[in-house]
N, C-alpha and C. Protein backbone atom coordinates (compact mmCIF):
# COMPACT_ATOMS: atom_id res chain seq x y z
N MET A 1 11.48 -11.13 -40.39
CA MET A 1 11.28 -12.38 -39.76
C MET A 1 12.59 -12.82 -39.18
N THR A 2 12.49 -13.33 -38.08
CA THR A 2 13.67 -13.75 -37.35
C THR A 2 13.73 -15.25 -37.40
N VAL A 3 14.96 -15.71 -37.73
CA VAL A 3 15.17 -17.16 -37.76
C VAL A 3 16.05 -17.50 -36.58
N SER A 4 15.66 -18.46 -35.81
CA SER A 4 16.47 -18.84 -34.65
C SER A 4 16.85 -20.29 -34.78
N ALA A 5 17.91 -20.57 -34.14
CA ALA A 5 18.36 -21.97 -34.14
C ALA A 5 17.43 -22.70 -33.21
N HIS A 6 16.98 -23.77 -33.66
CA HIS A 6 15.99 -24.51 -32.88
C HIS A 6 16.48 -25.91 -32.68
N THR A 7 16.50 -26.30 -31.43
CA THR A 7 16.87 -27.67 -31.11
C THR A 7 15.58 -28.43 -30.95
N PRO A 8 15.47 -29.50 -31.75
CA PRO A 8 14.23 -30.23 -31.61
C PRO A 8 14.18 -30.89 -30.26
N THR A 9 13.09 -30.88 -29.63
CA THR A 9 12.88 -31.51 -28.33
C THR A 9 11.81 -32.55 -28.50
N ALA A 10 11.92 -33.53 -27.63
CA ALA A 10 10.91 -34.59 -27.70
C ALA A 10 9.60 -34.03 -27.17
N PRO A 11 8.59 -34.44 -27.80
CA PRO A 11 7.32 -33.95 -27.29
C PRO A 11 7.09 -34.50 -25.90
N PRO A 12 6.47 -33.76 -25.03
CA PRO A 12 6.25 -34.24 -23.67
C PRO A 12 5.45 -35.53 -23.71
N PRO A 13 5.91 -36.48 -22.90
CA PRO A 13 5.19 -37.75 -22.90
C PRO A 13 3.78 -37.53 -22.36
N ASP A 14 2.99 -38.34 -22.93
CA ASP A 14 1.64 -38.21 -22.41
C ASP A 14 1.54 -38.98 -21.12
N ALA A 15 0.60 -38.71 -20.36
CA ALA A 15 0.47 -39.26 -19.02
C ALA A 15 0.35 -40.77 -19.02
N PRO A 16 -0.45 -41.40 -19.89
CA PRO A 16 -0.52 -42.85 -19.83
C PRO A 16 0.80 -43.49 -20.24
N ALA A 17 1.54 -42.93 -21.17
CA ALA A 17 2.82 -43.52 -21.59
C ALA A 17 3.82 -43.36 -20.47
N ALA A 18 3.81 -42.24 -19.78
CA ALA A 18 4.73 -42.02 -18.67
C ALA A 18 4.44 -43.00 -17.57
N ALA A 19 3.18 -43.27 -17.33
CA ALA A 19 2.83 -44.22 -16.28
C ALA A 19 3.29 -45.61 -16.67
N ALA A 20 3.22 -45.95 -17.95
CA ALA A 20 3.64 -47.27 -18.40
C ALA A 20 5.16 -47.40 -18.35
N LEU A 21 5.90 -46.31 -18.56
CA LEU A 21 7.36 -46.36 -18.54
C LEU A 21 7.93 -46.27 -17.12
N GLY A 22 7.14 -45.89 -16.16
CA GLY A 22 7.61 -45.74 -14.77
C GLY A 22 8.27 -47.00 -14.24
N PRO A 23 7.64 -48.18 -14.33
CA PRO A 23 8.29 -49.37 -13.83
C PRO A 23 9.58 -49.70 -14.59
N VAL A 24 9.60 -49.42 -15.89
CA VAL A 24 10.81 -49.69 -16.67
C VAL A 24 11.91 -48.76 -16.21
N ARG A 25 11.52 -47.51 -16.04
CA ARG A 25 12.48 -46.53 -15.57
C ARG A 25 13.00 -46.94 -14.20
N ALA A 26 12.14 -47.36 -13.30
CA ALA A 26 12.53 -47.77 -11.96
C ALA A 26 13.44 -48.99 -12.02
N ALA A 27 13.14 -49.93 -12.91
CA ALA A 27 13.97 -51.13 -13.05
C ALA A 27 15.34 -50.76 -13.59
N LEU A 28 15.34 -49.85 -14.56
CA LEU A 28 16.63 -49.41 -15.10
C LEU A 28 17.45 -48.69 -14.02
N MET A 29 16.78 -47.87 -13.24
CA MET A 29 17.47 -47.17 -12.16
C MET A 29 17.97 -48.16 -11.12
N ASP A 30 17.17 -49.14 -10.75
CA ASP A 30 17.59 -50.16 -9.79
C ASP A 30 18.80 -50.93 -10.33
N HIS A 31 18.70 -51.28 -11.61
CA HIS A 31 19.80 -52.02 -12.23
C HIS A 31 21.07 -51.16 -12.26
N ALA A 32 20.92 -49.89 -12.61
CA ALA A 32 22.06 -48.98 -12.66
C ALA A 32 22.64 -48.81 -11.27
N ARG A 33 21.78 -48.68 -10.23
CA ARG A 33 22.28 -48.57 -8.85
C ARG A 33 23.01 -49.84 -8.44
N ALA A 34 22.46 -50.99 -8.75
CA ALA A 34 23.07 -52.27 -8.39
C ALA A 34 24.43 -52.40 -9.09
N GLU A 35 24.44 -52.03 -10.38
CA GLU A 35 25.69 -52.09 -11.12
C GLU A 35 26.70 -51.11 -10.55
N GLY A 36 26.27 -49.94 -10.20
CA GLY A 36 27.15 -48.94 -9.59
C GLY A 36 27.67 -49.42 -8.24
N ASP A 37 26.72 -49.99 -7.44
CA ASP A 37 27.15 -50.53 -6.14
C ASP A 37 28.19 -51.64 -6.33
N GLU A 38 27.95 -52.52 -7.30
CA GLU A 38 28.90 -53.61 -7.56
C GLU A 38 30.22 -53.05 -8.03
N LEU A 39 30.22 -52.03 -8.88
CA LEU A 39 31.47 -51.40 -9.32
C LEU A 39 32.21 -50.78 -8.14
N VAL A 40 31.48 -50.14 -7.24
CA VAL A 40 32.10 -49.54 -6.06
C VAL A 40 32.70 -50.63 -5.18
N ARG A 41 31.92 -51.74 -4.96
CA ARG A 41 32.44 -52.85 -4.14
C ARG A 41 33.68 -53.47 -4.80
N ALA A 42 33.65 -53.67 -6.10
CA ALA A 42 34.79 -54.24 -6.81
C ALA A 42 36.00 -53.31 -6.71
N ALA A 43 35.75 -52.02 -6.84
CA ALA A 43 36.84 -51.05 -6.71
C ALA A 43 37.41 -51.08 -5.30
N ARG A 44 36.53 -51.19 -4.30
CA ARG A 44 37.01 -51.28 -2.90
C ARG A 44 37.82 -52.55 -2.68
N ARG A 45 37.30 -53.69 -3.22
CA ARG A 45 38.04 -54.96 -3.08
C ARG A 45 39.42 -54.84 -3.74
N GLU A 46 39.46 -54.27 -4.94
CA GLU A 46 40.72 -54.10 -5.66
C GLU A 46 41.65 -53.17 -4.88
N ALA A 47 41.08 -52.09 -4.33
CA ALA A 47 41.89 -51.17 -3.52
C ALA A 47 42.40 -51.88 -2.28
N ASP A 48 41.52 -52.67 -1.62
CA ASP A 48 41.94 -53.41 -0.42
C ASP A 48 43.05 -54.40 -0.77
N GLU A 49 42.89 -55.10 -1.93
CA GLU A 49 43.92 -56.05 -2.35
C GLU A 49 45.23 -55.32 -2.64
N LEU A 50 45.14 -54.19 -3.32
CA LEU A 50 46.35 -53.42 -3.61
C LEU A 50 47.01 -52.95 -2.32
N ILE A 51 46.20 -52.47 -1.40
CA ILE A 51 46.74 -52.01 -0.11
C ILE A 51 47.37 -53.19 0.63
N SER A 52 46.66 -54.33 0.63
CA SER A 52 47.17 -55.51 1.31
C SER A 52 48.49 -55.96 0.69
N ARG A 53 48.54 -56.00 -0.67
CA ARG A 53 49.78 -56.37 -1.35
C ARG A 53 50.88 -55.37 -1.04
N ALA A 54 50.55 -54.10 -1.08
CA ALA A 54 51.54 -53.05 -0.78
C ALA A 54 52.04 -53.18 0.65
N ASP A 55 51.11 -53.45 1.60
CA ASP A 55 51.53 -53.66 2.99
C ASP A 55 52.45 -54.86 3.10
N GLY A 56 52.09 -55.95 2.42
CA GLY A 56 52.92 -57.16 2.45
C GLY A 56 54.30 -56.88 1.87
N GLU A 57 54.33 -56.18 0.73
CA GLU A 57 55.62 -55.84 0.12
C GLU A 57 56.42 -54.92 1.03
N ALA A 58 55.73 -53.98 1.66
CA ALA A 58 56.43 -53.07 2.58
C ALA A 58 57.00 -53.84 3.77
N ARG A 59 56.20 -54.78 4.31
CA ARG A 59 56.71 -55.60 5.43
C ARG A 59 57.89 -56.45 4.98
N ALA A 60 57.78 -57.02 3.76
CA ALA A 60 58.88 -57.85 3.24
C ALA A 60 60.13 -56.99 3.04
N LEU A 61 59.94 -55.79 2.48
CA LEU A 61 61.09 -54.89 2.30
C LEU A 61 61.69 -54.50 3.64
N ALA A 62 60.81 -54.21 4.60
CA ALA A 62 61.30 -53.83 5.92
C ALA A 62 62.05 -55.00 6.56
N ALA A 63 61.49 -56.22 6.41
CA ALA A 63 62.17 -57.40 6.97
C ALA A 63 63.51 -57.62 6.29
N ARG A 64 63.52 -57.47 4.95
CA ARG A 64 64.77 -57.66 4.21
C ARG A 64 65.78 -56.58 4.61
N ALA A 65 65.30 -55.35 4.73
CA ALA A 65 66.20 -54.27 5.15
C ALA A 65 66.72 -54.52 6.56
N ALA A 66 65.82 -55.00 7.44
CA ALA A 66 66.25 -55.30 8.81
C ALA A 66 67.29 -56.42 8.80
N ALA A 67 67.02 -57.45 7.98
CA ALA A 67 67.98 -58.57 7.91
C ALA A 67 69.31 -58.08 7.35
N GLU A 68 69.24 -57.26 6.30
CA GLU A 68 70.48 -56.73 5.73
C GLU A 68 71.17 -55.82 6.74
N GLY A 69 70.36 -55.04 7.45
CA GLY A 69 70.93 -54.18 8.50
C GLY A 69 71.57 -55.01 9.59
N GLN A 70 70.90 -56.11 9.97
CA GLN A 70 71.48 -56.99 10.99
C GLN A 70 72.75 -57.63 10.47
N ALA A 71 72.71 -58.05 9.20
CA ALA A 71 73.92 -58.66 8.62
C ALA A 71 75.04 -57.64 8.56
N ASP A 72 74.69 -56.41 8.13
CA ASP A 72 75.71 -55.36 8.10
C ASP A 72 76.22 -55.06 9.51
N ALA A 73 75.29 -55.01 10.46
CA ALA A 73 75.68 -54.74 11.84
C ALA A 73 76.55 -55.88 12.37
N ALA A 74 76.17 -57.13 12.03
CA ALA A 74 76.96 -58.27 12.48
C ALA A 74 78.36 -58.23 11.87
N ALA A 75 78.43 -57.86 10.58
CA ALA A 75 79.74 -57.77 9.93
C ALA A 75 80.57 -56.65 10.56
N ALA A 76 79.92 -55.52 10.82
CA ALA A 76 80.64 -54.40 11.45
C ALA A 76 81.09 -54.78 12.86
N LEU A 77 80.22 -55.49 13.59
CA LEU A 77 80.58 -55.93 14.94
C LEU A 77 81.75 -56.91 14.88
N ALA A 78 81.69 -57.85 13.93
CA ALA A 78 82.79 -58.82 13.80
C ALA A 78 84.10 -58.10 13.47
N ALA A 79 84.03 -57.11 12.59
CA ALA A 79 85.24 -56.35 12.24
C ALA A 79 85.76 -55.59 13.45
N ASP A 80 84.84 -54.97 14.21
CA ASP A 80 85.26 -54.25 15.42
C ASP A 80 85.88 -55.20 16.44
N GLN A 81 85.26 -56.37 16.59
CA GLN A 81 85.81 -57.35 17.54
C GLN A 81 87.18 -57.83 17.10
N ALA A 82 87.34 -58.05 15.79
CA ALA A 82 88.65 -58.48 15.28
C ALA A 82 89.70 -57.40 15.53
N ARG A 83 89.32 -56.14 15.28
CA ARG A 83 90.27 -55.04 15.54
C ARG A 83 90.60 -54.98 17.03
N SER A 84 89.60 -55.15 17.87
CA SER A 84 89.84 -55.12 19.32
C SER A 84 90.74 -56.26 19.75
N ARG A 85 90.50 -57.45 19.17
CA ARG A 85 91.37 -58.60 19.52
C ARG A 85 92.80 -58.34 19.07
N ARG A 86 92.96 -57.76 17.87
CA ARG A 86 94.32 -57.46 17.39
C ARG A 86 94.99 -56.44 18.30
N ARG A 87 94.23 -55.39 18.68
CA ARG A 87 94.82 -54.38 19.58
C ARG A 87 95.18 -55.02 20.92
N ALA A 88 94.28 -55.84 21.45
CA ALA A 88 94.55 -56.50 22.73
C ALA A 88 95.76 -57.42 22.61
N ARG A 89 95.84 -58.14 21.49
CA ARG A 89 96.99 -59.03 21.28
C ARG A 89 98.27 -58.21 21.20
N GLY A 90 98.20 -57.05 20.53
CA GLY A 90 99.36 -56.17 20.46
C GLY A 90 99.80 -55.69 21.82
N VAL A 91 98.83 -55.35 22.67
CA VAL A 91 99.14 -54.92 24.04
C VAL A 91 99.80 -56.05 24.81
N VAL A 92 99.24 -57.26 24.66
CA VAL A 92 99.80 -58.42 25.37
C VAL A 92 101.22 -58.70 24.88
N LEU A 93 101.41 -58.69 23.55
CA LEU A 93 102.75 -58.96 23.01
C LEU A 93 103.75 -57.89 23.45
N ALA A 94 103.32 -56.64 23.49
CA ALA A 94 104.22 -55.57 23.94
C ALA A 94 104.60 -55.78 25.40
N ALA A 95 103.64 -56.17 26.22
CA ALA A 95 103.92 -56.42 27.65
C ALA A 95 104.87 -57.61 27.79
N GLN A 96 104.65 -58.65 26.98
CA GLN A 96 105.52 -59.82 27.03
C GLN A 96 106.94 -59.44 26.60
N ALA A 97 107.05 -58.62 25.56
CA ALA A 97 108.37 -58.19 25.10
C ALA A 97 109.07 -57.38 26.18
N ARG A 98 108.32 -56.50 26.86
CA ARG A 98 108.93 -55.73 27.96
C ARG A 98 109.40 -56.66 29.08
N ALA A 99 108.59 -57.66 29.42
CA ALA A 99 108.97 -58.61 30.47
C ALA A 99 110.21 -59.40 30.05
N TYR A 100 110.27 -59.79 28.78
CA TYR A 100 111.42 -60.54 28.28
C TYR A 100 112.68 -59.68 28.33
N ARG A 101 112.57 -58.42 27.88
CA ARG A 101 113.73 -57.51 27.93
C ARG A 101 114.16 -57.27 29.38
N ALA A 102 113.19 -57.12 30.27
CA ALA A 102 113.52 -56.89 31.68
C ALA A 102 114.24 -58.10 32.25
N LEU A 103 113.79 -59.31 31.90
CA LEU A 103 114.46 -60.53 32.36
C LEU A 103 115.90 -60.56 31.84
N ARG A 104 116.05 -60.27 30.54
CA ARG A 104 117.39 -60.29 29.95
C ARG A 104 118.30 -59.29 30.65
N GLU A 105 117.81 -58.08 30.89
CA GLU A 105 118.62 -57.06 31.57
C GLU A 105 118.94 -57.47 33.00
N GLN A 106 117.99 -58.09 33.68
CA GLN A 106 118.23 -58.53 35.06
C GLN A 106 119.31 -59.61 35.09
N VAL A 107 119.25 -60.56 34.15
CA VAL A 107 120.25 -61.63 34.12
C VAL A 107 121.62 -61.05 33.75
N ARG A 108 121.66 -60.10 32.82
CA ARG A 108 122.93 -59.47 32.46
C ARG A 108 123.52 -58.72 33.66
N ALA A 109 122.68 -57.99 34.40
CA ALA A 109 123.16 -57.23 35.57
C ALA A 109 123.74 -58.19 36.61
N GLU A 110 123.05 -59.29 36.84
CA GLU A 110 123.56 -60.26 37.82
C GLU A 110 124.85 -60.90 37.32
N ALA A 111 124.94 -61.13 36.00
CA ALA A 111 126.18 -61.72 35.46
C ALA A 111 127.35 -60.73 35.60
N ARG A 112 127.09 -59.43 35.37
CA ARG A 112 128.16 -58.42 35.50
C ARG A 112 128.71 -58.38 36.93
N GLN A 113 127.88 -58.70 37.89
CA GLN A 113 128.34 -58.69 39.29
C GLN A 113 129.39 -59.77 39.52
N LEU A 114 129.40 -60.80 38.68
CA LEU A 114 130.41 -61.85 38.84
C LEU A 114 131.83 -61.29 38.63
N ALA A 115 131.97 -60.28 37.77
CA ALA A 115 133.29 -59.71 37.50
C ALA A 115 133.86 -59.04 38.75
N ASP A 116 133.00 -58.65 39.67
CA ASP A 116 133.46 -58.02 40.91
C ASP A 116 133.55 -59.03 42.06
N SER A 117 133.24 -60.28 41.77
CA SER A 117 133.22 -61.26 42.86
C SER A 117 134.60 -61.89 43.08
N ALA A 118 134.75 -62.54 44.23
CA ALA A 118 136.02 -63.18 44.57
C ALA A 118 136.31 -64.35 43.63
N GLY A 119 135.29 -64.93 43.06
CA GLY A 119 135.50 -66.09 42.19
C GLY A 119 135.66 -65.72 40.72
N TRP A 120 135.95 -64.44 40.43
CA TRP A 120 136.05 -64.00 39.03
C TRP A 120 137.13 -64.74 38.27
N SER A 121 138.24 -65.04 38.90
CA SER A 121 139.35 -65.74 38.24
C SER A 121 138.86 -67.12 37.76
N ARG A 122 138.11 -67.80 38.60
CA ARG A 122 137.58 -69.12 38.21
C ARG A 122 136.61 -68.97 37.03
N TRP A 123 135.81 -67.90 37.04
CA TRP A 123 134.87 -67.65 35.93
C TRP A 123 135.64 -67.39 34.64
N CYS A 124 136.70 -66.64 34.73
CA CYS A 124 137.53 -66.38 33.52
C CYS A 124 138.14 -67.67 33.00
N ASP A 125 138.60 -68.55 33.93
CA ASP A 125 139.15 -69.85 33.50
C ASP A 125 138.08 -70.64 32.73
N ALA A 126 136.83 -70.62 33.22
CA ALA A 126 135.75 -71.34 32.55
C ALA A 126 135.45 -70.70 31.19
N LEU A 127 135.47 -69.36 31.12
CA LEU A 127 135.23 -68.68 29.85
C LEU A 127 136.36 -68.98 28.84
N GLU A 128 137.58 -69.07 29.35
CA GLU A 128 138.72 -69.39 28.48
C GLU A 128 138.55 -70.78 27.88
N ILE A 129 138.12 -71.73 28.68
CA ILE A 129 137.89 -73.10 28.19
C ILE A 129 136.82 -73.08 27.09
N LEU A 130 135.74 -72.30 27.31
CA LEU A 130 134.68 -72.18 26.30
C LEU A 130 135.22 -71.58 25.00
N ALA A 131 136.04 -70.55 25.12
CA ALA A 131 136.60 -69.90 23.94
C ALA A 131 137.52 -70.84 23.18
N ARG A 132 138.38 -71.57 23.90
CA ARG A 132 139.29 -72.52 23.26
C ARG A 132 138.49 -73.61 22.53
N GLN A 133 137.41 -74.11 23.17
CA GLN A 133 136.59 -75.15 22.53
C GLN A 133 135.92 -74.62 21.27
N ALA A 134 135.53 -73.37 21.27
CA ALA A 134 134.87 -72.79 20.10
C ALA A 134 135.84 -72.65 18.93
N LEU A 135 137.16 -72.58 19.23
CA LEU A 135 138.16 -72.42 18.17
C LEU A 135 138.81 -73.76 17.79
N GLN A 136 138.14 -74.86 18.00
CA GLN A 136 138.68 -76.17 17.63
C GLN A 136 139.05 -76.16 16.15
N PRO A 137 139.96 -76.90 15.66
CA PRO A 137 140.59 -78.07 16.25
C PRO A 137 141.63 -77.70 17.31
N ALA A 138 141.82 -78.64 18.16
CA ALA A 138 142.70 -78.42 19.33
C ALA A 138 144.16 -78.25 18.94
N SER A 139 144.53 -78.58 17.71
CA SER A 139 145.95 -78.47 17.33
C SER A 139 146.43 -77.02 17.33
N TYR A 140 145.50 -76.09 17.21
CA TYR A 140 145.89 -74.69 17.27
C TYR A 140 146.03 -74.29 18.73
N ASP A 141 146.92 -73.40 18.96
CA ASP A 141 147.10 -72.89 20.32
C ASP A 141 146.63 -71.45 20.32
N PRO A 142 145.37 -71.23 20.69
CA PRO A 142 144.86 -69.85 20.62
C PRO A 142 145.50 -68.96 21.67
N GLN A 143 145.60 -67.70 21.32
CA GLN A 143 146.05 -66.68 22.26
C GLN A 143 144.80 -66.22 23.00
N VAL A 144 144.84 -66.15 24.30
CA VAL A 144 143.67 -65.77 25.10
C VAL A 144 143.99 -64.47 25.83
N GLU A 145 143.05 -63.56 25.72
CA GLU A 145 143.20 -62.26 26.39
C GLU A 145 142.02 -62.10 27.34
N ARG A 146 142.36 -61.73 28.56
CA ARG A 146 141.29 -61.50 29.53
C ARG A 146 140.79 -60.07 29.41
N LEU A 147 139.43 -59.95 29.40
CA LEU A 147 138.76 -58.65 29.29
C LEU A 147 138.11 -58.32 30.63
N PRO A 148 137.69 -57.09 30.83
CA PRO A 148 137.04 -56.77 32.11
C PRO A 148 135.78 -57.59 32.37
N ASP A 149 135.11 -58.05 31.30
CA ASP A 149 133.87 -58.81 31.51
C ASP A 149 133.88 -60.14 30.78
N GLY A 150 135.07 -60.68 30.42
CA GLY A 150 135.14 -61.95 29.73
C GLY A 150 136.51 -62.22 29.16
N VAL A 151 136.56 -62.98 28.05
CA VAL A 151 137.82 -63.32 27.41
C VAL A 151 137.67 -63.23 25.89
N ARG A 152 138.84 -63.04 25.23
CA ARG A 152 138.88 -63.08 23.76
C ARG A 152 139.99 -64.06 23.41
N ALA A 153 139.63 -65.04 22.57
CA ALA A 153 140.62 -66.03 22.12
C ALA A 153 140.81 -65.85 20.62
N THR A 154 142.08 -65.91 20.18
CA THR A 154 142.40 -65.74 18.77
C THR A 154 143.35 -66.84 18.35
N SER A 155 143.07 -67.43 17.17
CA SER A 155 143.93 -68.47 16.62
C SER A 155 143.98 -68.26 15.12
N GLY A 156 145.10 -67.78 14.63
CA GLY A 156 145.22 -67.48 13.21
C GLY A 156 144.27 -66.34 12.85
N THR A 157 143.40 -66.60 11.89
CA THR A 157 142.43 -65.56 11.47
C THR A 157 141.10 -65.68 12.20
N ARG A 158 141.00 -66.65 13.02
CA ARG A 158 139.75 -66.86 13.77
C ARG A 158 139.87 -66.29 15.17
N SER A 159 138.75 -65.70 15.64
CA SER A 159 138.74 -65.23 17.03
C SER A 159 137.32 -65.31 17.57
N ILE A 160 137.25 -65.36 18.87
CA ILE A 160 135.95 -65.40 19.54
C ILE A 160 136.06 -64.61 20.83
N THR A 161 134.99 -63.87 21.12
CA THR A 161 134.91 -63.13 22.39
C THR A 161 133.75 -63.72 23.17
N VAL A 162 134.01 -64.08 24.41
CA VAL A 162 132.97 -64.61 25.28
C VAL A 162 132.90 -63.69 26.49
N THR A 163 131.75 -63.03 26.66
CA THR A 163 131.58 -62.10 27.79
C THR A 163 130.48 -62.60 28.70
N LEU A 164 130.42 -61.98 29.87
CA LEU A 164 129.35 -62.32 30.81
C LEU A 164 127.98 -61.98 30.20
N ALA A 165 127.91 -60.90 29.43
CA ALA A 165 126.64 -60.54 28.77
C ALA A 165 126.24 -61.63 27.77
N ASP A 166 127.25 -62.18 27.05
CA ASP A 166 126.96 -63.27 26.11
C ASP A 166 126.41 -64.48 26.85
N LEU A 167 127.03 -64.81 27.98
CA LEU A 167 126.55 -65.96 28.76
C LEU A 167 125.15 -65.71 29.32
N ALA A 168 124.90 -64.48 29.75
CA ALA A 168 123.58 -64.14 30.26
C ALA A 168 122.54 -64.27 29.15
N ASP A 169 122.87 -63.74 27.96
CA ASP A 169 121.93 -63.85 26.83
C ASP A 169 121.69 -65.31 26.46
N ALA A 170 122.75 -66.10 26.46
CA ALA A 170 122.62 -67.52 26.13
C ALA A 170 121.73 -68.22 27.16
N ALA A 171 121.89 -67.85 28.43
CA ALA A 171 121.06 -68.46 29.48
C ALA A 171 119.59 -68.12 29.27
N VAL A 172 119.30 -66.87 28.92
CA VAL A 172 117.91 -66.47 28.67
C VAL A 172 117.39 -67.17 27.42
N ASP A 173 118.21 -67.23 26.37
CA ASP A 173 117.78 -67.89 25.13
C ASP A 173 117.49 -69.37 25.36
N GLU A 174 118.27 -69.99 26.23
CA GLU A 174 118.06 -71.42 26.51
C GLU A 174 116.75 -71.68 27.22
N LEU A 175 116.18 -70.66 27.81
CA LEU A 175 114.87 -70.85 28.45
C LEU A 175 113.81 -71.22 27.41
N GLY A 176 113.99 -70.73 26.18
CA GLY A 176 113.05 -71.06 25.10
C GLY A 176 111.61 -70.74 25.50
N ALA A 177 110.74 -71.72 25.28
CA ALA A 177 109.31 -71.53 25.56
C ALA A 177 109.04 -71.41 27.07
N ASP A 178 109.99 -71.88 27.88
CA ASP A 178 109.79 -71.77 29.34
C ASP A 178 109.71 -70.32 29.80
N VAL A 179 110.25 -69.39 28.99
CA VAL A 179 110.21 -67.99 29.36
C VAL A 179 108.75 -67.49 29.43
N GLU A 180 107.85 -68.18 28.74
CA GLU A 180 106.44 -67.80 28.75
C GLU A 180 105.82 -67.91 30.15
N GLU A 181 106.49 -68.64 31.02
CA GLU A 181 106.00 -68.73 32.40
C GLU A 181 106.00 -67.37 33.07
N LEU A 182 106.80 -66.44 32.53
CA LEU A 182 106.84 -65.08 33.10
C LEU A 182 105.50 -64.39 33.04
N TRP A 183 104.72 -64.65 31.98
CA TRP A 183 103.46 -63.93 31.83
C TRP A 183 102.23 -64.80 31.92
N ARG A 184 102.41 -66.04 32.32
CA ARG A 184 101.24 -66.87 32.56
C ARG A 184 100.71 -66.62 33.95
N PRO A 185 99.39 -66.62 34.09
CA PRO A 185 98.82 -66.39 35.44
C PRO A 185 99.07 -67.57 36.36
């Protein structure tokens, strides 16, 4: 005799009971479909909300990144502009310094020409007076020596040399802020 594993099965429903359960079964199926449809709609709404929130967060992040990028770009632009202004100012100052040196050299060259002029003796007399005044008090009698481009006065341990180049430099220095007229438009 053979023994087999047997799974009990429900006896087949009889036809009148099946007919009576049909509407219940249909109602259960309708209810299950409605519940399933509602679960699907709720899942779609939740997914739509998540997507909408994610889109909003992405837009906010993008806007924040753009603002930070603009701020970084503005800061970089400001730094570049400041560097450019400093370089431009350096160029202007260098040009002004060259103009100032050129003026000084031009005045010195013109002053040196006085040593070759007919009035050089009078210029030396004026330089001697300046040197004597610089060695005040007047009670000293300074020794004055004439140089090719000026005079040197000595009194005791004190001495002063006054040259045409010194006078030219003093004349340029006395221009002070007026020298800026050289580079004003």
